[in-house]
Amino acid sequence: MLNYDDKRNFYRMLLNSEVELTVVDDEANSKIFATCRDLSATGMAIEMSYPLALDTQVRMKIDSLNNNVQAFDASGKVVRVVEENPETYLVGITIQELD
């Protein structure tokens, strides 16, 4: 039997990078800093200290440490939230548009 990872169309890059999220759904366009655990062509998993609601629209930005590599800048929406422990949530975001 295939496990979930074997069914993926795109490989995930494991990361441990700071990601800046801007919540598009609220009037203040709140900024949140979290840790990007992994990134693929269709989405990312981030680690946060509190959950975001499903279907929340966000902008994501990961700065590049190398001048030859462009910063990652995209928009997407929250599609999964898993509580790993009372202080850590794993939030899955699907990428809807790359800038």
PDB file of N, CA and C in Angstrom:
ATOM      1  N   MET A   1       0.841  -1.186   0.000  1.00  0.00           N
ATOM      2  CA  MET A   1       0.000   0.000   0.000  1.00  0.00           C
ATOM      3  C   MET A   1       0.882   1.244   0.000  1.00  0.00           C
ATOM      4  N   LEU A   2       0.546   2.232  -0.817  1.00  0.00           N
ATOM      5  CA  LEU A   2       1.297   3.476  -0.872  1.00  0.00           C
ATOM      6  C   LEU A   2       0.912   4.374   0.281  1.00  0.00           C
ATOM      7  N   ASN A   3       1.907   5.042   0.866  1.00  0.00           N
ATOM      8  CA  ASN A   3       1.550   6.022   1.885  1.00  0.00           C
ATOM      9  C   ASN A   3       1.280   7.363   1.202  1.00  0.00           C
ATOM     10  N   TYR A   4       0.834   8.343   1.970  1.00  0.00           N
ATOM     11  CA  TYR A   4       0.414   9.624   1.414  1.00  0.00           C
ATOM     12  C   TYR A   4       1.534  10.297   0.628  1.00  0.00           C
ATOM     13  N   ASP A   5       2.755  10.276   1.173  1.00  0.00           N
ATOM     14  CA  ASP A   5       3.877  10.939   0.498  1.00  0.00           C
ATOM     15  C   ASP A   5       4.173  10.344  -0.871  1.00  0.00           C
ATOM     16  N   ASP A   6       3.902   9.041  -1.048  1.00  0.00           N
ATOM     17  CA  ASP A   6       4.170   8.400  -2.335  1.00  0.00           C
ATOM     18  C   ASP A   6       3.189   8.832  -3.420  1.00  0.00           C
ATOM     19  N   LYS A   7       2.075   9.452  -3.039  1.00  0.00           N
ATOM     20  CA  LYS A   7       1.059   9.878  -3.994  1.00  0.00           C
ATOM     21  C   LYS A   7       1.270  11.318  -4.465  1.00  0.00           C
ATOM     22  N   ARG A   8       2.248  12.008  -3.925  1.00  0.00           N
ATOM     23  CA  ARG A   8       2.468  13.410  -4.269  1.00  0.00           C
ATOM     24  C   ARG A   8       2.982  13.547  -5.702  1.00  0.00           C
ATOM     25  N   ASN A   9       2.533  14.618  -6.374  1.00  0.00           N
ATOM     26  CA  ASN A   9       3.001  14.910  -7.728  1.00  0.00           C
ATOM     27  C   ASN A   9       4.292  15.717  -7.724  1.00  0.00           C
ATOM     28  N   PHE A  10       4.582  16.406  -6.621  1.00  0.00           N
ATOM     29  CA  PHE A  10       5.759  17.256  -6.528  1.00  0.00           C
ATOM     30  C   PHE A  10       6.519  16.925  -5.248  1.00  0.00           C
ATOM     31  N   TYR A  11       7.842  16.980  -5.339  1.00  0.00           N
ATOM     32  CA  TYR A  11       8.673  16.752  -4.162  1.00  0.00           C
ATOM     33  C   TYR A  11       8.621  17.953  -3.243  1.00  0.00           C
ATOM     34  N   ARG A  12       8.788  17.696  -1.951  1.00  0.00           N
ATOM     35  CA  ARG A  12       8.860  18.760  -0.962  1.00  0.00           C
ATOM     36  C   ARG A  12      10.308  19.040  -0.620  1.00  0.00           C
ATOM     37  N   MET A  13      10.645  20.317  -0.513  1.00  0.00           N
ATOM     38  CA  MET A  13      11.962  20.722  -0.031  1.00  0.00           C
ATOM     39  C   MET A  13      11.825  20.987   1.457  1.00  0.00           C
ATOM     40  N   LEU A  14      12.622  20.308   2.254  1.00  0.00           N
ATOM     41  CA  LEU A  14      12.592  20.553   3.688  1.00  0.00           C
ATOM     42  C   LEU A  14      13.331  21.847   3.973  1.00  0.00           C
ATOM     43  N   LEU A  15      12.685  22.713   4.716  1.00  0.00           N
ATOM     44  CA  LEU A  15      13.259  24.016   5.047  1.00  0.00           C
ATOM     45  C   LEU A  15      13.154  24.240   6.544  1.00  0.00           C
ATOM     46  N   ASN A  16      13.852  25.204   7.005  1.00  0.00           N
ATOM     47  CA  ASN A  16      13.709  25.701   8.366  1.00  0.00           C
ATOM     48  C   ASN A  16      13.939  27.204   8.285  1.00  0.00           C
ATOM     49  N   SER A  17      13.078  27.873   7.510  1.00  0.00           N
ATOM     50  CA  SER A  17      13.260  29.291   7.205  1.00  0.00           C
ATOM     51  C   SER A  17      12.122  30.117   7.756  1.00  0.00           C
ATOM     52  N   GLU A  18      12.442  31.342   8.127  1.00  0.00           N
ATOM     53  CA  GLU A  18      11.396  32.249   8.588  1.00  0.00           C
ATOM     54  C   GLU A  18      10.530  32.664   7.400  1.00  0.00           C
ATOM     55  N   VAL A  19       9.227  32.620   7.595  1.00  0.00           N
ATOM     56  CA  VAL A  19       8.281  33.062   6.581  1.00  0.00           C
ATOM     57  C   VAL A  19       7.433  34.178   7.186  1.00  0.00           C
ATOM     58  N   GLU A  20       7.210  35.202   6.388  1.00  0.00           N
ATOM     59  CA  GLU A  20       6.339  36.300   6.800  1.00  0.00           C
ATOM     60  C   GLU A  20       4.979  36.094   6.135  1.00  0.00           C
ATOM     61  N   LEU A  21       3.950  35.942   6.947  1.00  0.00           N
ATOM     62  CA  LEU A  21       2.590  35.791   6.439  1.00  0.00           C
ATOM     63  C   LEU A  21       1.837  37.091   6.653  1.00  0.00           C
ATOM     64  N   THR A  22       1.075  37.500   5.666  1.00  0.00           N
ATOM     65  CA  THR A  22       0.158  38.617   5.807  1.00  0.00           C
ATOM     66  C   THR A  22      -1.240  38.053   5.633  1.00  0.00           C
ATOM     67  N   VAL A  23      -2.071  38.212   6.662  1.00  0.00           N
ATOM     68  CA  VAL A  23      -3.442  37.704   6.600  1.00  0.00           C
ATOM     69  C   VAL A  23      -4.261  38.689   5.781  1.00  0.00           C
ATOM     70  N   VAL A  24      -4.697  38.255   4.608  1.00  0.00           N
ATOM     71  CA  VAL A  24      -5.424  39.117   3.674  1.00  0.00           C
ATOM     72  C   VAL A  24      -6.873  39.287   4.105  1.00  0.00           C
ATOM     73  N   ASP A  25      -7.417  38.316   4.820  1.00  0.00           N
ATOM     74  CA  ASP A  25      -8.830  38.324   5.178  1.00  0.00           C
ATOM     75  C   ASP A  25      -9.203  39.366   6.218  1.00  0.00           C
ATOM     76  N   ASP A  26      -8.246  39.856   7.013  1.00  0.00           N
ATOM     77  CA  ASP A  26      -8.632  40.848   8.026  1.00  0.00           C
ATOM     78  C   ASP A  26      -8.318  42.255   7.545  1.00  0.00           C
ATOM     79  N   GLU A  27      -8.986  43.238   8.129  1.00  0.00           N
ATOM     80  CA  GLU A  27      -8.838  44.632   7.692  1.00  0.00           C
ATOM     81  C   GLU A  27      -7.450  45.182   7.954  1.00  0.00           C
ATOM     82  N   ALA A  28      -6.780  44.683   8.970  1.00  0.00           N
ATOM     83  CA  ALA A  28      -5.469  45.207   9.346  1.00  0.00           C
ATOM     84  C   ALA A  28      -4.333  44.602   8.535  1.00  0.00           C
ATOM     85  N   ASN A  29      -4.618  43.575   7.729  1.00  0.00           N
ATOM     86  CA  ASN A  29      -3.563  42.840   7.019  1.00  0.00           C
ATOM     87  C   ASN A  29      -2.455  42.450   8.001  1.00  0.00           C
ATOM     88  N   SER A  30      -2.852  41.736   9.050  1.00  0.00           N
ATOM     89  CA  SER A  30      -1.936  41.329  10.122  1.00  0.00           C
ATOM     90  C   SER A  30      -0.737  40.594   9.569  1.00  0.00           C
ATOM     91  N   LYS A  31       0.436  40.887  10.133  1.00  0.00           N
ATOM     92  CA  LYS A  31       1.670  40.197   9.753  1.00  0.00           C
ATOM     93  C   LYS A  31       2.025  39.204  10.855  1.00  0.00           C
ATOM     94  N   ILE A  32       2.391  38.008  10.427  1.00  0.00           N
ATOM     95  CA  ILE A  32       2.748  36.925  11.335  1.00  0.00           C
ATOM     96  C   ILE A  32       4.082  36.356  10.872  1.00  0.00           C
ATOM     97  N   PHE A  33       4.986  36.128  11.809  1.00  0.00           N
ATOM     98  CA  PHE A  33       6.251  35.479  11.482  1.00  0.00           C
ATOM     99  C   PHE A  33       6.200  34.056  12.016  1.00  0.00           C
ATOM    100  N   ALA A  34       6.511  33.102  11.158  1.00  0.00           N
ATOM    101  CA  ALA A  34       6.438  31.688  11.501  1.00  0.00           C
ATOM    102  C   ALA A  34       7.634  30.979  10.871  1.00  0.00           C
ATOM    103  N   THR A  35       7.677  29.661  11.013  1.00  0.00           N
ATOM    104  CA  THR A  35       8.761  28.863  10.440  1.00  0.00           C
ATOM    105  C   THR A  35       8.207  27.987   9.327  1.00  0.00           C
ATOM    106  N   CYS A  36       8.800  28.100   8.148  1.00  0.00           N
ATOM    107  CA  CYS A  36       8.420  27.249   7.028  1.00  0.00           C
ATOM    108  C   CYS A  36       9.162  25.929   7.182  1.00  0.00           C
ATOM    109  N   ARG A  37       8.417  24.849   7.324  1.00  0.00           N
ATOM    110  CA  ARG A  37       9.037  23.519   7.459  1.00  0.00           C
ATOM    111  C   ARG A  37       9.348  22.899   6.115  1.00  0.00           C
ATOM    112  N   ASP A  38       8.403  23.023   5.167  1.00  0.00           N
ATOM    113  CA  ASP A  38       8.671  22.470   3.843  1.00  0.00           C
ATOM    114  C   ASP A  38       7.888  23.247   2.791  1.00  0.00           C
ATOM    115  N   LEU A  39       8.368  23.105   1.562  1.00  0.00           N
ATOM    116  CA  LEU A  39       7.823  23.856   0.434  1.00  0.00           C
ATOM    117  C   LEU A  39       7.818  22.950  -0.786  1.00  0.00           C
ATOM    118  N   SER A  40       6.717  22.982  -1.544  1.00  0.00           N
ATOM    119  CA  SER A  40       6.648  22.241  -2.807  1.00  0.00           C
ATOM    120  C   SER A  40       6.107  23.188  -3.867  1.00  0.00           C
ATOM    121  N   ALA A  41       5.906  22.682  -5.053  1.00  0.00           N
ATOM    122  CA  ALA A  41       5.389  23.508  -6.148  1.00  0.00           C
ATOM    123  C   ALA A  41       3.950  23.934  -5.907  1.00  0.00           C
ATOM    124  N   THR A  42       3.240  23.245  -5.020  1.00  0.00           N
ATOM    125  CA  THR A  42       1.819  23.552  -4.824  1.00  0.00           C
ATOM    126  C   THR A  42       1.473  24.031  -3.432  1.00  0.00           C
ATOM    127  N   GLY A  43       2.415  23.997  -2.489  1.00  0.00           N
ATOM    128  CA  GLY A  43       2.072  24.446  -1.147  1.00  0.00           C
ATOM    129  C   GLY A  43       3.240  24.426  -0.190  1.00  0.00           C
ATOM    130  N   MET A  44       2.928  24.804   1.056  1.00  0.00           N
ATOM    131  CA  MET A  44       3.945  24.818   2.099  1.00  0.00           C
ATOM    132  C   MET A  44       3.325  24.442   3.429  1.00  0.00           C
ATOM    133  N   ALA A  45       4.156  23.966   4.335  1.00  0.00           N
ATOM    134  CA  ALA A  45       3.750  23.689   5.704  1.00  0.00           C
ATOM    135  C   ALA A  45       4.524  24.635   6.601  1.00  0.00           C
ATOM    136  N   ILE A  46       3.796  25.332   7.464  1.00  0.00           N
ATOM    137  CA  ILE A  46       4.451  26.260   8.380  1.00  0.00           C
ATOM    138  C   ILE A  46       4.129  25.873   9.813  1.00  0.00           C
ATOM    139  N   GLU A  47       5.060  26.179  10.698  1.00  0.00           N
ATOM    140  CA  GLU A  47       4.898  25.922  12.121  1.00  0.00           C
ATOM    141  C   GLU A  47       4.626  27.247  12.811  1.00  0.00           C
ATOM    142  N   MET A  48       3.530  27.272  13.601  1.00  0.00           N
ATOM    143  CA  MET A  48       3.118  28.496  14.287  1.00  0.00           C
ATOM    144  C   MET A  48       2.749  28.180  15.732  1.00  0.00           C
ATOM    145  N   SER A  49       2.651  29.232  16.560  1.00  0.00           N
ATOM    146  CA  SER A  49       2.279  29.031  17.962  1.00  0.00           C
ATOM    147  C   SER A  49       0.771  29.083  18.179  1.00  0.00           C
ATOM    148  N   TYR A  50       0.000  29.416  17.149  1.00  0.00           N
ATOM    149  CA  TYR A  50      -1.463  29.413  17.236  1.00  0.00           C
ATOM    150  C   TYR A  50      -2.026  29.081  15.858  1.00  0.00           C
ATOM    151  N   PRO A  51      -3.270  28.596  15.800  1.00  0.00           N
ATOM    152  CA  PRO A  51      -3.820  28.164  14.510  1.00  0.00           C
ATOM    153  C   PRO A  51      -4.404  29.324  13.706  1.00  0.00           C
ATOM    154  N   LEU A  52      -4.495  29.127  12.406  1.00  0.00           N
ATOM    155  CA  LEU A  52      -5.256  30.008  11.524  1.00  0.00           C
ATOM    156  C   LEU A  52      -6.495  29.248  11.082  1.00  0.00           C
ATOM    157  N   ALA A  53      -7.558  29.951  10.787  1.00  0.00           N
ATOM    158  CA  ALA A  53      -8.798  29.314  10.347  1.00  0.00           C
ATOM    159  C   ALA A  53      -8.633  28.767   8.934  1.00  0.00           C
ATOM    160  N   LEU A  54      -9.301  27.650   8.657  1.00  0.00           N
ATOM    161  CA  LEU A  54      -9.309  27.107   7.302  1.00  0.00           C
ATOM    162  C   LEU A  54      -9.852  28.143   6.331  1.00  0.00           C
ATOM    163  N   ASP A  55      -9.345  28.144   5.117  1.00  0.00           N
ATOM    164  CA  ASP A  55      -9.722  29.052   4.030  1.00  0.00           C
ATOM    165  C   ASP A  55      -9.249  30.490   4.225  1.00  0.00           C
ATOM    166  N   THR A  56      -8.429  30.768   5.255  1.00  0.00           N
ATOM    167  CA  THR A  56      -7.862  32.102   5.435  1.00  0.00           C
ATOM    168  C   THR A  56      -6.925  32.399   4.266  1.00  0.00           C
ATOM    169  N   GLN A  57      -7.101  33.542   3.627  1.00  0.00           N
ATOM    170  CA  GLN A  57      -6.240  33.962   2.526  1.00  0.00           C
ATOM    171  C   GLN A  57      -5.002  34.652   3.102  1.00  0.00           C
ATOM    172  N   VAL A  58      -3.817  34.263   2.614  1.00  0.00           N
ATOM    173  CA  VAL A  58      -2.561  34.815   3.115  1.00  0.00           C
ATOM    174  C   VAL A  58      -1.616  35.140   1.968  1.00  0.00           C
ATOM    175  N   ARG A  59      -0.692  36.042   2.244  1.00  0.00           N
ATOM    176  CA  ARG A  59       0.458  36.283   1.374  1.00  0.00           C
ATOM    177  C   ARG A  59       1.655  35.727   2.124  1.00  0.00           C
ATOM    178  N   MET A  60       2.566  35.079   1.409  1.00  0.00           N
ATOM    179  CA  MET A  60       3.730  34.443   2.023  1.00  0.00           C
ATOM    180  C   MET A  60       4.999  35.014   1.417  1.00  0.00           C
ATOM    181  N   LYS A  61       5.969  35.296   2.271  1.00  0.00           N
ATOM    182  CA  LYS A  61       7.242  35.801   1.764  1.00  0.00           C
ATOM    183  C   LYS A  61       8.378  35.164   2.545  1.00  0.00           C
ATOM    184  N   ILE A  62       9.342  34.606   1.793  1.00  0.00           N
ATOM    185  CA  ILE A  62      10.567  34.073   2.380  1.00  0.00           C
ATOM    186  C   ILE A  62      11.712  34.795   1.698  1.00  0.00           C
ATOM    187  N   ASP A  63      12.488  35.545   2.470  1.00  0.00           N
ATOM    188  CA  ASP A  63      13.625  36.261   1.912  1.00  0.00           C
ATOM    189  C   ASP A  63      14.728  35.289   1.531  1.00  0.00           C
ATOM    190  N   SER A  64      15.467  35.644   0.506  1.00  0.00           N
ATOM    191  CA  SER A  64      16.581  34.826   0.046  1.00  0.00           C
ATOM    192  C   SER A  64      17.863  35.269   0.740  1.00  0.00           C
ATOM    193  N   LEU A  65      18.696  34.311   1.105  1.00  0.00           N
ATOM    194  CA  LEU A  65      19.993  34.618   1.696  1.00  0.00           C
ATOM    195  C   LEU A  65      21.070  34.769   0.639  1.00  0.00           C
ATOM    196  N   ASN A  66      20.699  34.517  -0.623  1.00  0.00           N
ATOM    197  CA  ASN A  66      21.638  34.546  -1.730  1.00  0.00           C
ATOM    198  C   ASN A  66      21.137  35.561  -2.763  1.00  0.00           C
ATOM    199  N   ASN A  67      21.983  36.494  -3.146  1.00  0.00           N
ATOM    200  CA  ASN A  67      21.583  37.518  -4.123  1.00  0.00           C
ATOM    201  C   ASN A  67      21.239  36.931  -5.486  1.00  0.00           C
ATOM    202  N   ASN A  68      21.703  35.733  -5.773  1.00  0.00           N
ATOM    203  CA  ASN A  68      21.431  35.094  -7.059  1.00  0.00           C
ATOM    204  C   ASN A  68      20.082  34.376  -7.096  1.00  0.00           C
ATOM    205  N   VAL A  69      19.446  34.258  -5.929  1.00  0.00           N
ATOM    206  CA  VAL A  69      18.166  33.565  -5.832  1.00  0.00           C
ATOM    207  C   VAL A  69      17.095  34.571  -5.411  1.00  0.00           C
ATOM    208  N   GLN A  70      16.023  34.623  -6.182  1.00  0.00           N
ATOM    209  CA  GLN A  70      14.934  35.547  -5.902  1.00  0.00           C
ATOM    210  C   GLN A  70      14.173  35.128  -4.641  1.00  0.00           C
ATOM    211  N   ALA A  71      13.683  36.110  -3.876  1.00  0.00           N
ATOM    212  CA  ALA A  71      12.863  35.820  -2.701  1.00  0.00           C
ATOM    213  C   ALA A  71      11.575  35.126  -3.135  1.00  0.00           C
ATOM    214  N   PHE A  72      11.032  34.288  -2.271  1.00  0.00           N
ATOM    215  CA  PHE A  72       9.768  33.602  -2.537  1.00  0.00           C
ATOM    216  C   PHE A  72       8.643  34.527  -2.105  1.00  0.00           C
ATOM    217  N   ASP A  73       7.715  34.811  -3.005  1.00  0.00           N
ATOM    218  CA  ASP A  73       6.595  35.699  -2.727  1.00  0.00           C
ATOM    219  C   ASP A  73       5.370  35.114  -3.409  1.00  0.00           C
ATOM    220  N   ALA A  74       4.344  34.772  -2.626  1.00  0.00           N
ATOM    221  CA  ALA A  74       3.180  34.091  -3.191  1.00  0.00           C
ATOM    222  C   ALA A  74       1.942  34.394  -2.351  1.00  0.00           C
ATOM    223  N   SER A  75       0.789  34.041  -2.901  1.00  0.00           N
ATOM    224  CA  SER A  75      -0.452  34.114  -2.143  1.00  0.00           C
ATOM    225  C   SER A  75      -1.075  32.727  -2.129  1.00  0.00           C
ATOM    226  N   GLY A  76      -1.875  32.469  -1.106  1.00  0.00           N
ATOM    227  CA  GLY A  76      -2.502  31.162  -0.982  1.00  0.00           C
ATOM    228  C   GLY A  76      -3.573  31.164   0.076  1.00  0.00           C
ATOM    229  N   LYS A  77      -4.030  29.966   0.412  1.00  0.00           N
ATOM    230  CA  LYS A  77      -5.039  29.856   1.469  1.00  0.00           C
ATOM    231  C   LYS A  77      -4.754  28.652   2.345  1.00  0.00           C
ATOM    232  N   VAL A  78      -5.203  28.752   3.591  1.00  0.00           N
ATOM    233  CA  VAL A  78      -5.009  27.695   4.582  1.00  0.00           C
ATOM    234  C   VAL A  78      -5.932  26.533   4.251  1.00  0.00           C
ATOM    235  N   VAL A  79      -5.347  25.336   4.117  1.00  0.00           N
ATOM    236  CA  VAL A  79      -6.141  24.155   3.776  1.00  0.00           C
ATOM    237  C   VAL A  79      -6.068  23.056   4.852  1.00  0.00           C
ATOM    238  N   ARG A  80      -5.149  23.220   5.822  1.00  0.00           N
ATOM    239  CA  ARG A  80      -5.005  22.193   6.857  1.00  0.00           C
ATOM    240  C   ARG A  80      -4.399  22.822   8.100  1.00  0.00           C
ATOM    241  N   VAL A  81      -4.900  22.422   9.267  1.00  0.00           N
ATOM    242  CA  VAL A  81      -4.342  22.857  10.549  1.00  0.00           C
ATOM    243  C   VAL A  81      -4.299  21.650  11.471  1.00  0.00           C
ATOM    244  N   VAL A  82      -3.104  21.346  11.984  1.00  0.00           N
ATOM    245  CA  VAL A  82      -2.920  20.208  12.878  1.00  0.00           C
ATOM    246  C   VAL A  82      -2.236  20.702  14.148  1.00  0.00           C
ATOM    247  N   GLU A  83      -2.838  20.400  15.291  1.00  0.00           N
ATOM    248  CA  GLU A  83      -2.215  20.752  16.569  1.00  0.00           C
ATOM    249  C   GLU A  83      -1.199  19.679  16.909  1.00  0.00           C
ATOM    250  N   GLU A  84       0.075  20.054  16.932  1.00  0.00           N
ATOM    251  CA  GLU A  84       1.121  19.093  17.279  1.00  0.00           C
ATOM    252  C   GLU A  84       1.280  18.984  18.790  1.00  0.00           C
ATOM    253  N   ASN A  85       1.118  20.090  19.474  1.00  0.00           N
ATOM    254  CA  ASN A  85       1.058  20.154  20.933  1.00  0.00           C
ATOM    255  C   ASN A  85       0.374  21.476  21.264  1.00  0.00           C
ATOM    256  N   PRO A  86       0.077  21.754  22.537  1.00  0.00           N
ATOM    257  CA  PRO A  86      -0.680  22.975  22.848  1.00  0.00           C
ATOM    258  C   PRO A  86      -0.030  24.291  22.411  1.00  0.00           C
ATOM    259  N   GLU A  87       1.262  24.273  22.122  1.00  0.00           N
ATOM    260  CA  GLU A  87       1.949  25.507  21.723  1.00  0.00           C
ATOM    261  C   GLU A  87       2.455  25.484  20.289  1.00  0.00           C
ATOM    262  N   THR A  88       2.170  24.415  19.533  1.00  0.00           N
ATOM    263  CA  THR A  88       2.676  24.299  18.166  1.00  0.00           C
ATOM    264  C   THR A  88       1.596  23.766  17.233  1.00  0.00           C
ATOM    265  N   TYR A  89       1.372  24.514  16.153  1.00  0.00           N
ATOM    266  CA  TYR A  89       0.406  24.110  15.132  1.00  0.00           C
ATOM    267  C   TYR A  89       1.124  24.012  13.799  1.00  0.00           C
ATOM    268  N   LEU A  90       0.794  22.992  13.024  1.00  0.00           N
ATOM    269  CA  LEU A  90       1.311  22.836  11.672  1.00  0.00           C
ATOM    270  C   LEU A  90       0.199  23.259  10.722  1.00  0.00           C
ATOM    271  N   VAL A  91       0.462  24.295   9.933  1.00  0.00           N
ATOM    272  CA  VAL A  91      -0.542  24.884   9.050  1.00  0.00           C
ATOM    273  C   VAL A  91      -0.147  24.622   7.603  1.00  0.00           C
ATOM    274  N   GLY A  92      -1.027  23.980   6.857  1.00  0.00           N
ATOM    275  CA  GLY A  92      -0.804  23.713   5.437  1.00  0.00           C
ATOM    276  C   GLY A  92      -1.443  24.793   4.597  1.00  0.00           C
ATOM    277  N   ILE A  93      -0.674  25.342   3.669  1.00  0.00           N
ATOM    278  CA  ILE A  93      -1.159  26.426   2.802  1.00  0.00           C
ATOM    279  C   ILE A  93      -0.962  26.004   1.351  1.00  0.00           C
ATOM    280  N   THR A  94      -2.008  26.100   0.568  1.00  0.00           N
ATOM    281  CA  THR A  94      -1.895  25.829  -0.857  1.00  0.00           C
ATOM    282  C   THR A  94      -1.510  27.124  -1.572  1.00  0.00           C
ATOM    283  N   ILE A  95      -0.599  27.032  -2.518  1.00  0.00           N
ATOM    284  CA  ILE A  95      -0.159  28.204  -3.285  1.00  0.00           C
ATOM    285  C   ILE A  95      -1.139  28.439  -4.418  1.00  0.00           C
ATOM    286  N   GLN A  96      -1.681  29.653  -4.467  1.00  0.00           N
ATOM    287  CA  GLN A  96      -2.632  30.003  -5.516  1.00  0.00           C
ATOM    288  C   GLN A  96      -2.011  30.886  -6.592  1.00  0.00           C
ATOM    289  N   GLU A  97      -1.020  31.687  -6.211  1.00  0.00           N
ATOM    290  CA  GLU A  97      -0.385  32.587  -7.174  1.00  0.00           C
ATOM    291  C   GLU A  97       1.034  32.923  -6.731  1.00  0.00           C
ATOM    292  N   LEU A  98       1.977  32.823  -7.650  1.00  0.00           N
ATOM    293  CA  LEU A  98       3.368  33.222  -7.387  1.00  0.00           C
ATOM    294  C   LEU A  98       3.610  34.600  -7.974  1.00  0.00           C
ATOM    295  N   ASP A  99       4.364  35.411  -7.250  1.00  0.00           N
ATOM    296  CA  ASP A  99       4.718  36.748  -7.749  1.00  0.00           C
ATOM    297  C   ASP A  99       6.170  36.790  -8.131  1.00  0.00           C
TER     298      ASP A  99
END
